[in-house]
Amino acid sequence: MSVLENGREISYQALVDGDSLVLRLEEMTEGSLQIRFARDAWYQVNLFNAAGIPAIPFETRC
């Protein structure tokens, strides 16, 4: 997974809290963020739900 601000990758920590995936950025940002999961030409998914079903690739902006 990558977190980008204006094309620059930002370091983060990820953890699961109940039914939520929480990303904690290691630095403050002022611009919008782009979050990408498994959006490269080749990827291996390592995020699964409790039933063992893998997360689908996604991209979002916030």
Protein backbone atom coordinates (compact mmCIF):
# COMPACT_ATOMS: atom_id res chain seq x y z
CA MET A 1 0.00 0.00 0.00
CA SER A 2 1.22 3.50 -0.63
CA VAL A 3 0.11 6.89 0.62
CA LEU A 4 0.97 9.82 -1.64
CA GLU A 5 0.75 13.59 -1.27
CA ASN A 6 1.17 15.35 -4.61
CA GLY A 7 3.06 12.30 -5.95
CA ARG A 8 5.42 12.08 -2.94
CA GLU A 9 5.21 8.88 -0.88
CA ILE A 10 4.57 9.38 2.85
CA SER A 11 5.58 6.91 5.57
CA TYR A 12 2.74 5.43 7.60
CA GLN A 13 1.76 2.67 10.00
CA ALA A 14 -1.29 0.48 9.33
CA LEU A 15 -3.35 -1.38 11.91
CA VAL A 16 -6.73 -3.09 12.11
CA ASP A 17 -9.22 -1.71 14.64
CA GLY A 18 -12.36 -3.86 14.66
CA ASP A 19 -13.75 -3.65 11.11
CA SER A 20 -11.55 -0.71 10.11
CA LEU A 21 -8.10 -0.35 8.61
CA VAL A 22 -6.41 2.63 10.26
CA LEU A 23 -3.49 4.45 8.64
CA ARG A 24 -1.33 6.65 10.86
CA LEU A 25 0.86 9.05 8.93
CA GLU A 26 4.33 9.68 10.33
CA GLU A 27 4.18 13.34 9.27
CA MET A 28 1.50 16.01 8.97
CA THR A 29 0.19 16.85 5.52
CA GLU A 30 -1.60 19.90 4.19
CA GLY A 31 -2.63 18.68 0.75
CA SER A 32 -4.95 15.94 -0.39
CA LEU A 33 -3.83 12.34 -0.11
CA GLN A 34 -3.98 9.46 -2.55
CA ILE A 35 -4.13 5.98 -1.02
CA ARG A 36 -3.35 3.02 -3.27
CA PHE A 37 -3.55 -0.71 -2.49
CA ALA A 38 -2.31 -3.34 -4.97
CA ARG A 39 -2.45 -0.92 -7.93
CA ASP A 40 0.92 -1.81 -9.48
CA ALA A 41 1.45 -3.91 -12.61
CA TRP A 42 2.16 -6.92 -10.36
CA TYR A 43 1.10 -7.30 -6.75
CA GLN A 44 0.58 -9.87 -4.01
CA VAL A 45 -2.34 -9.06 -1.72
CA ASN A 46 -1.53 -9.38 2.00
CA LEU A 47 -4.74 -7.95 3.46
CA PHE A 48 -7.56 -10.41 4.25
CA ASN A 49 -10.84 -10.27 6.15
CA ALA A 50 -11.76 -12.66 8.98
CA ALA A 51 -13.13 -15.18 6.46
CA GLY A 52 -9.79 -15.25 4.60
CA ILE A 53 -11.07 -13.32 1.59
CA PRO A 54 -8.44 -10.95 0.16
CA ALA A 55 -9.06 -7.22 -0.20
CA ILE A 56 -9.55 -6.10 -3.78
CA PRO A 57 -7.14 -3.54 -5.25
CA PHE A 58 -8.31 0.04 -4.70
CA GLU A 59 -7.32 3.67 -5.05
CA THR A 60 -8.91 6.62 -3.27
CA ARG A 61 -8.28 10.30 -2.65
CA CYS A 62 -9.07 12.16 0.54
